[in-house]
């Protein structure tokens, strides 16, 4: 069995992050006899200056990229299909909001210590993109925490404090120093990187090439 360390730089607000991850997941399943992966999520904020109330997602993307409502609909249709292709159902029914995700990253840093980071990451993606849940709402976040069997009282304390702020900032700065400016970015064995919502075959090819090189070193 060949082992890989995969660090995923991601923001729960990014649809391409869940598309990319699901492609990675399928690739690992298809290579399960030969490859085992340890997955770690690292923080990235698409909108670090977004106010607490967030912004309507369609409005935000039209302003940010200078696209029309028709182009927005076309993008949503494309993302829906990409999601269905890899087993994830996007629900873009309005209202859906773009928010600052820093509190989500703080909770994910804590969840990692509880060996629940990946479970919480998936729950946040699902809540946001499948169920249109507002992740800037305190009670919504705590309900997601509870669904992962994490301590709601401790999560409340984190949200009411600055706990994990310095850790998240340090991880973000490290990513920036590595030149990472977009998500998702998949860092394999702290040496190789793939960016974007790659298809399954791209991940499989990369994993096989990397594990072949590991075998050569051994």
C-alpha atoms as a PDB file:
ATOM      1  CA  UNK A   1       0.000   0.000   0.000  1.00  0.00           C
ATOM      2  CA  UNK A   2       1.418   3.400  -1.053  1.00  0.00           C
ATOM      3  CA  UNK A   3       0.559   6.373   1.162  1.00  0.00           C
ATOM      4  CA  UNK A   4      -0.024   9.991   0.209  1.00  0.00           C
ATOM      5  CA  UNK A   5      -0.342  13.152   2.296  1.00  0.00           C
ATOM      6  CA  UNK A   6      -2.870  15.450   0.625  1.00  0.00           C
ATOM      7  CA  UNK A   7      -3.340  18.979   1.938  1.00  0.00           C
ATOM      8  CA  UNK A   8      -6.327  20.745   0.378  1.00  0.00           C
ATOM      9  CA  UNK A   9      -6.316  24.542   0.429  1.00  0.00           C
ATOM     10  CA  UNK A  10      -9.986  25.383   0.291  1.00  0.00           C
ATOM     11  CA  UNK A  11     -12.845  27.712   1.153  1.00  0.00           C
ATOM     12  CA  UNK A  12     -16.281  26.282   1.914  1.00  0.00           C
ATOM     13  CA  UNK A  13     -17.710  29.125  -0.198  1.00  0.00           C
ATOM     14  CA  UNK A  14     -16.003  27.734  -3.325  1.00  0.00           C
ATOM     15  CA  UNK A  15     -18.052  25.327  -5.497  1.00  0.00           C
ATOM     16  CA  UNK A  16     -14.919  24.194  -7.337  1.00  0.00           C
ATOM     17  CA  UNK A  17     -13.468  23.034  -4.023  1.00  0.00           C
ATOM     18  CA  UNK A  18     -16.162  20.414  -3.499  1.00  0.00           C
ATOM     19  CA  UNK A  19     -16.082  19.470  -7.198  1.00  0.00           C
ATOM     20  CA  UNK A  20     -12.328  19.020  -6.998  1.00  0.00           C
ATOM     21  CA  UNK A  21     -12.515  17.061  -3.768  1.00  0.00           C
ATOM     22  CA  UNK A  22     -15.192  14.696  -5.075  1.00  0.00           C
ATOM     23  CA  UNK A  23     -13.032  14.024  -8.131  1.00  0.00           C
ATOM     24  CA  UNK A  24     -10.114  13.263  -5.816  1.00  0.00           C
ATOM     25  CA  UNK A  25     -12.325  11.007  -3.698  1.00  0.00           C
ATOM     26  CA  UNK A  26     -13.437   8.970  -6.711  1.00  0.00           C
ATOM     27  CA  UNK A  27      -9.844   8.664  -7.923  1.00  0.00           C
ATOM     28  CA  UNK A  28      -8.754   7.357  -4.522  1.00  0.00           C
ATOM     29  CA  UNK A  29     -11.629   4.862  -4.470  1.00  0.00           C
ATOM     30  CA  UNK A  30     -10.621   3.556  -7.876  1.00  0.00           C
ATOM     31  CA  UNK A  31      -7.003   3.211  -6.696  1.00  0.00           C
ATOM     32  CA  UNK A  32      -7.896   1.913  -3.243  1.00  0.00           C
ATOM     33  CA  UNK A  33      -5.946  -1.317  -3.607  1.00  0.00           C
ATOM     34  CA  UNK A  34      -2.719   0.573  -4.243  1.00  0.00           C
ATOM     35  CA  UNK A  35      -3.054   4.031  -2.648  1.00  0.00           C
ATOM     36  CA  UNK A  36      -4.068   5.312   0.789  1.00  0.00           C
ATOM     37  CA  UNK A  37      -4.356   9.036   1.530  1.00  0.00           C
ATOM     38  CA  UNK A  38      -4.239  11.164   4.662  1.00  0.00           C
ATOM     39  CA  UNK A  39      -6.292  14.283   3.916  1.00  0.00           C
ATOM     40  CA  UNK A  40      -5.859  17.607   5.676  1.00  0.00           C
ATOM     41  CA  UNK A  41      -7.826  20.806   4.950  1.00  0.00           C
ATOM     42  CA  UNK A  42      -6.106  24.202   4.982  1.00  0.00           C
ATOM     43  CA  UNK A  43      -7.852  27.610   5.126  1.00  0.00           C
ATOM     44  CA  UNK A  44      -8.374  30.123   2.339  1.00  0.00           C
ATOM     45  CA  UNK A  45     -10.795  33.064   2.363  1.00  0.00           C
ATOM     46  CA  UNK A  46     -12.278  34.044  -0.965  1.00  0.00           C
ATOM     47  CA  UNK A  47     -13.726  37.190   0.573  1.00  0.00           C
ATOM     48  CA  UNK A  48     -11.809  38.168   3.718  1.00  0.00           C
ATOM     49  CA  UNK A  49     -13.275  41.687   3.703  1.00  0.00           C
ATOM     50  CA  UNK A  50     -16.894  40.608   3.322  1.00  0.00           C
ATOM     51  CA  UNK A  51     -19.101  42.125   6.070  1.00  0.00           C
ATOM     52  CA  UNK A  52     -20.738  39.818   8.588  1.00  0.00           C
ATOM     53  CA  UNK A  53     -24.129  39.896   6.860  1.00  0.00           C
ATOM     54  CA  UNK A  54     -22.609  38.693   3.589  1.00  0.00           C
ATOM     55  CA  UNK A  55     -23.968  39.439   0.130  1.00  0.00           C
ATOM     56  CA  UNK A  56     -26.414  37.800  -2.244  1.00  0.00           C
ATOM     57  CA  UNK A  57     -24.307  35.269  -4.171  1.00  0.00           C
ATOM     58  CA  UNK A  58     -25.626  36.117  -7.621  1.00  0.00           C
ATOM     59  CA  UNK A  59     -25.175  39.841  -7.013  1.00  0.00           C
ATOM     60  CA  UNK A  60     -21.661  39.257  -5.665  1.00  0.00           C
ATOM     61  CA  UNK A  61     -20.513  37.214  -8.654  1.00  0.00           C
ATOM     62  CA  UNK A  62     -22.044  39.595 -11.180  1.00  0.00           C
ATOM     63  CA  UNK A  63     -20.204  42.491  -9.559  1.00  0.00           C
ATOM     64  CA  UNK A  64     -16.920  40.629  -9.079  1.00  0.00           C
ATOM     65  CA  UNK A  65     -16.637  39.152 -12.569  1.00  0.00           C
ATOM     66  CA  UNK A  66     -18.694  41.637 -14.562  1.00  0.00           C
ATOM     67  CA  UNK A  67     -21.117  39.002 -15.834  1.00  0.00           C
ATOM     68  CA  UNK A  68     -24.796  39.240 -16.706  1.00  0.00           C
ATOM     69  CA  UNK A  69     -27.648  37.407 -15.021  1.00  0.00           C
ATOM     70  CA  UNK A  70     -27.880  35.139 -18.060  1.00  0.00           C
ATOM     71  CA  UNK A  71     -24.178  34.274 -17.770  1.00  0.00           C
ATOM     72  CA  UNK A  72     -24.711  33.629 -14.070  1.00  0.00           C
ATOM     73  CA  UNK A  73     -27.472  31.140 -14.919  1.00  0.00           C
ATOM     74  CA  UNK A  74     -25.218  29.440 -17.460  1.00  0.00           C
ATOM     75  CA  UNK A  75     -22.453  29.108 -14.881  1.00  0.00           C
ATOM     76  CA  UNK A  76     -24.874  27.619 -12.389  1.00  0.00           C
ATOM     77  CA  UNK A  77     -26.126  25.093 -14.951  1.00  0.00           C
ATOM     78  CA  UNK A  78     -22.548  24.070 -15.713  1.00  0.00           C
ATOM     79  CA  UNK A  79     -21.717  23.660 -12.016  1.00  0.00           C
ATOM     80  CA  UNK A  80     -24.873  21.624 -11.431  1.00  0.00           C
ATOM     81  CA  UNK A  81     -23.869  19.226 -14.191  1.00  0.00           C
ATOM     82  CA  UNK A  82     -20.274  18.957 -12.996  1.00  0.00           C
ATOM     83  CA  UNK A  83     -21.623  18.234  -9.535  1.00  0.00           C
ATOM     84  CA  UNK A  84     -23.993  15.523 -10.762  1.00  0.00           C
ATOM     85  CA  UNK A  85     -21.146  13.914 -12.687  1.00  0.00           C
ATOM     86  CA  UNK A  86     -19.219  13.329  -9.457  1.00  0.00           C
ATOM     87  CA  UNK A  87     -22.144  12.719  -7.098  1.00  0.00           C
ATOM     88  CA  UNK A  88     -22.790  16.144  -5.565  1.00  0.00           C
ATOM     89  CA  UNK A  89     -26.059  18.016  -5.991  1.00  0.00           C
ATOM     90  CA  UNK A  90     -25.800  21.814  -6.114  1.00  0.00           C
ATOM     91  CA  UNK A  91     -28.923  23.733  -5.174  1.00  0.00           C
ATOM     92  CA  UNK A  92     -28.569  27.299  -6.418  1.00  0.00           C
ATOM     93  CA  UNK A  93     -32.086  28.382  -5.541  1.00  0.00           C
ATOM     94  CA  UNK A  94     -31.960  31.969  -4.331  1.00  0.00           C
ATOM     95  CA  UNK A  95     -31.370  33.345  -1.775  1.00  0.00           C
ATOM     96  CA  UNK A  96     -27.834  32.011  -1.440  1.00  0.00           C
ATOM     97  CA  UNK A  97     -25.235  34.220   0.208  1.00  0.00           C
ATOM     98  CA  UNK A  98     -21.513  34.755  -0.095  1.00  0.00           C
ATOM     99  CA  UNK A  99     -20.024  35.246   3.357  1.00  0.00           C
ATOM    100  CA  UNK A 100     -16.735  35.669   5.150  1.00  0.00           C
ATOM    101  CA  UNK A 101     -15.787  32.107   6.101  1.00  0.00           C
ATOM    102  CA  UNK A 102     -13.236  32.832   8.838  1.00  0.00           C
ATOM    103  CA  UNK A 103     -15.359  31.380  11.658  1.00  0.00           C
ATOM    104  CA  UNK A 104     -15.830  28.205   9.614  1.00  0.00           C
ATOM    105  CA  UNK A 105     -12.049  27.883   9.328  1.00  0.00           C
ATOM    106  CA  UNK A 106     -11.622  28.393  13.076  1.00  0.00           C
ATOM    107  CA  UNK A 107     -14.112  25.607  13.761  1.00  0.00           C
ATOM    108  CA  UNK A 108     -12.341  23.357  11.246  1.00  0.00           C
ATOM    109  CA  UNK A 109      -8.997  23.950  12.987  1.00  0.00           C
ATOM    110  CA  UNK A 110     -10.588  22.868  16.275  1.00  0.00           C
ATOM    111  CA  UNK A 111     -12.359  19.905  14.639  1.00  0.00           C
ATOM    112  CA  UNK A 112      -9.007  18.642  13.367  1.00  0.00           C
ATOM    113  CA  UNK A 113      -7.866  18.208  16.977  1.00  0.00           C
ATOM    114  CA  UNK A 114     -11.009  16.124  17.555  1.00  0.00           C
ATOM    115  CA  UNK A 115     -10.299  14.012  14.437  1.00  0.00           C
ATOM    116  CA  UNK A 116     -13.492  15.438  12.907  1.00  0.00           C
ATOM    117  CA  UNK A 117     -12.107  18.021  10.481  1.00  0.00           C
ATOM    118  CA  UNK A 118     -12.989  16.171   7.289  1.00  0.00           C
ATOM    119  CA  UNK A 119     -16.475  15.322   8.536  1.00  0.00           C
ATOM    120  CA  UNK A 120     -17.158  18.950   9.436  1.00  0.00           C
ATOM    121  CA  UNK A 121     -15.747  20.183   6.113  1.00  0.00           C
ATOM    122  CA  UNK A 122     -18.136  17.919   4.204  1.00  0.00           C
ATOM    123  CA  UNK A 123     -21.046  18.969   6.411  1.00  0.00           C
ATOM    124  CA  UNK A 124     -20.324  22.649   5.722  1.00  0.00           C
ATOM    125  CA  UNK A 125     -20.149  22.087   1.966  1.00  0.00           C
ATOM    126  CA  UNK A 126     -23.429  20.166   2.058  1.00  0.00           C
ATOM    127  CA  UNK A 127     -25.196  22.728   4.233  1.00  0.00           C
ATOM    128  CA  UNK A 128     -24.130  25.619   2.017  1.00  0.00           C
ATOM    129  CA  UNK A 129     -24.453  24.193  -1.471  1.00  0.00           C
ATOM    130  CA  UNK A 130     -27.156  21.528  -1.115  1.00  0.00           C
ATOM    131  CA  UNK A 131     -29.390  23.069   1.560  1.00  0.00           C
ATOM    132  CA  UNK A 132     -28.720  26.834   1.163  1.00  0.00           C
ATOM    133  CA  UNK A 133     -27.948  27.166   4.869  1.00  0.00           C
ATOM    134  CA  UNK A 134     -26.523  30.554   5.954  1.00  0.00           C
ATOM    135  CA  UNK A 135     -23.087  29.741   7.362  1.00  0.00           C
ATOM    136  CA  UNK A 136     -22.812  33.220   8.874  1.00  0.00           C
ATOM    137  CA  UNK A 137     -25.702  32.361  11.211  1.00  0.00           C
ATOM    138  CA  UNK A 138     -24.490  31.227  14.646  1.00  0.00           C
ATOM    139  CA  UNK A 139     -27.275  28.713  15.286  1.00  0.00           C
ATOM    140  CA  UNK A 140     -26.843  27.191  11.836  1.00  0.00           C
ATOM    141  CA  UNK A 141     -23.127  26.665  12.451  1.00  0.00           C
ATOM    142  CA  UNK A 142     -23.762  25.114  15.846  1.00  0.00           C
ATOM    143  CA  UNK A 143     -26.382  22.764  14.393  1.00  0.00           C
ATOM    144  CA  UNK A 144     -23.820  21.589  11.825  1.00  0.00           C
ATOM    145  CA  UNK A 145     -21.273  21.118  14.612  1.00  0.00           C
ATOM    146  CA  UNK A 146     -23.809  19.017  16.542  1.00  0.00           C
ATOM    147  CA  UNK A 147     -24.508  16.887  13.454  1.00  0.00           C
ATOM    148  CA  UNK A 148     -20.817  15.900  13.481  1.00  0.00           C
ATOM    149  CA  UNK A 149     -20.973  14.867  17.169  1.00  0.00           C
ATOM    150  CA  UNK A 150     -18.741  17.751  18.166  1.00  0.00           C
ATOM    151  CA  UNK A 151     -19.152  19.602  21.466  1.00  0.00           C
ATOM    152  CA  UNK A 152     -21.588  22.465  20.839  1.00  0.00           C
ATOM    153  CA  UNK A 153     -20.678  24.207  24.101  1.00  0.00           C
ATOM    154  CA  UNK A 154     -17.002  24.229  23.158  1.00  0.00           C
ATOM    155  CA  UNK A 155     -17.834  25.426  19.637  1.00  0.00           C
ATOM    156  CA  UNK A 156     -19.883  28.272  21.154  1.00  0.00           C
ATOM    157  CA  UNK A 157     -16.899  29.281  23.253  1.00  0.00           C
ATOM    158  CA  UNK A 158     -14.683  29.322  20.151  1.00  0.00           C
ATOM    159  CA  UNK A 159     -17.128  31.517  18.251  1.00  0.00           C
ATOM    160  CA  UNK A 160     -17.350  33.912  21.207  1.00  0.00           C
ATOM    161  CA  UNK A 161     -13.573  34.176  21.506  1.00  0.00           C
ATOM    162  CA  UNK A 162     -10.451  34.577  19.382  1.00  0.00           C
ATOM    163  CA  UNK A 163      -9.503  30.921  19.737  1.00  0.00           C
ATOM    164  CA  UNK A 164      -7.734  29.489  16.657  1.00  0.00           C
ATOM    165  CA  UNK A 165      -7.493  32.929  15.056  1.00  0.00           C
ATOM    166  CA  UNK A 166      -3.706  32.983  15.128  1.00  0.00           C
ATOM    167  CA  UNK A 167      -3.496  29.399  13.865  1.00  0.00           C
ATOM    168  CA  UNK A 168      -5.769  30.070  10.898  1.00  0.00           C
ATOM    169  CA  UNK A 169      -3.918  33.295  10.047  1.00  0.00           C
ATOM    170  CA  UNK A 170      -0.573  31.500  10.229  1.00  0.00           C
ATOM    171  CA  UNK A 171      -1.781  28.731   7.911  1.00  0.00           C
ATOM    172  CA  UNK A 172      -3.176  31.292   5.475  1.00  0.00           C
ATOM    173  CA  UNK A 173       0.121  33.191   5.471  1.00  0.00           C
ATOM    174  CA  UNK A 174       2.047  29.998   4.858  1.00  0.00           C
ATOM    175  CA  UNK A 175      -0.178  29.214   1.872  1.00  0.00           C
ATOM    176  CA  UNK A 176       0.414  32.707   0.495  1.00  0.00           C
ATOM    177  CA  UNK A 177       4.173  32.304   0.908  1.00  0.00           C
ATOM    178  CA  UNK A 178       3.919  29.127  -1.136  1.00  0.00           C
ATOM    179  CA  UNK A 179       2.331  31.175  -3.917  1.00  0.00           C
ATOM    180  CA  UNK A 180      -1.181  29.776  -3.546  1.00  0.00           C
ATOM    181  CA  UNK A 181      -3.632  32.404  -4.777  1.00  0.00           C
ATOM    182  CA  UNK A 182      -6.638  30.328  -5.825  1.00  0.00           C
ATOM    183  CA  UNK A 183      -8.641  27.357  -4.626  1.00  0.00           C
ATOM    184  CA  UNK A 184      -8.851  24.499  -4.600  1.00  0.00           C
ATOM    185  CA  UNK A 185      -5.155  23.665  -4.506  1.00  0.00           C
ATOM    186  CA  UNK A 186      -4.165  20.084  -3.725  1.00  0.00           C
ATOM    187  CA  UNK A 187      -0.672  19.716  -2.258  1.00  0.00           C
ATOM    188  CA  UNK A 188       0.571  16.139  -2.428  1.00  0.00           C
ATOM    189  CA  UNK A 189       3.354  14.946  -0.149  1.00  0.00           C
ATOM    190  CA  UNK A 190       4.234  18.613   0.498  1.00  0.00           C
ATOM    191  CA  UNK A 191       5.913  18.630  -2.909  1.00  0.00           C
ATOM    192  CA  UNK A 192       3.466  18.413  -5.815  1.00  0.00           C
ATOM    193  CA  UNK A 193       0.412  20.590  -6.480  1.00  0.00           C
ATOM    194  CA  UNK A 194      -2.742  20.380  -8.555  1.00  0.00           C
ATOM    195  CA  UNK A 195      -5.115  23.340  -8.854  1.00  0.00           C
ATOM    196  CA  UNK A 196      -8.783  23.640  -9.724  1.00  0.00           C
ATOM    197  CA  UNK A 197     -11.685  21.242 -10.096  1.00  0.00           C
ATOM    198  CA  UNK A 198      -9.655  18.549 -11.810  1.00  0.00           C
ATOM    199  CA  UNK A 199     -11.394  15.515 -13.373  1.00  0.00           C
ATOM    200  CA  UNK A 200     -10.997  12.069 -11.855  1.00  0.00           C
ATOM    201  CA  UNK A 201      -8.490  10.881 -14.450  1.00  0.00           C
ATOM    202  CA  UNK A 202      -6.178  13.836 -13.770  1.00  0.00           C
ATOM    203  CA  UNK A 203      -5.995  12.872 -10.090  1.00  0.00           C
ATOM    204  CA  UNK A 204      -5.435   9.202 -10.883  1.00  0.00           C
ATOM    205  CA  UNK A 205      -2.627   9.997 -13.276  1.00  0.00           C
ATOM    206  CA  UNK A 206      -0.972  12.330 -10.774  1.00  0.00           C
ATOM    207  CA  UNK A 207      -1.233   9.836  -7.911  1.00  0.00           C
ATOM    208  CA  UNK A 208       0.207   6.998  -9.981  1.00  0.00           C
ATOM    209  CA  UNK A 209       3.103   9.141 -11.179  1.00  0.00           C
ATOM    210  CA  UNK A 210       3.898  10.271  -7.633  1.00  0.00           C
ATOM    211  CA  UNK A 211       3.695   6.788  -6.135  1.00  0.00           C
ATOM    212  CA  UNK A 212       5.880   5.439  -8.960  1.00  0.00           C
ATOM    213  CA  UNK A 213       8.507   8.035  -8.031  1.00  0.00           C
ATOM    214  CA  UNK A 214       8.220   6.984  -4.383  1.00  0.00           C
ATOM    215  CA  UNK A 215       8.835   3.390  -5.430  1.00  0.00           C
ATOM    216  CA  UNK A 216      11.895   4.419  -7.422  1.00  0.00           C
ATOM    217  CA  UNK A 217      13.359   6.190  -4.365  1.00  0.00           C
ATOM    218  CA  UNK A 218      12.793   3.117  -2.203  1.00  0.00           C
END
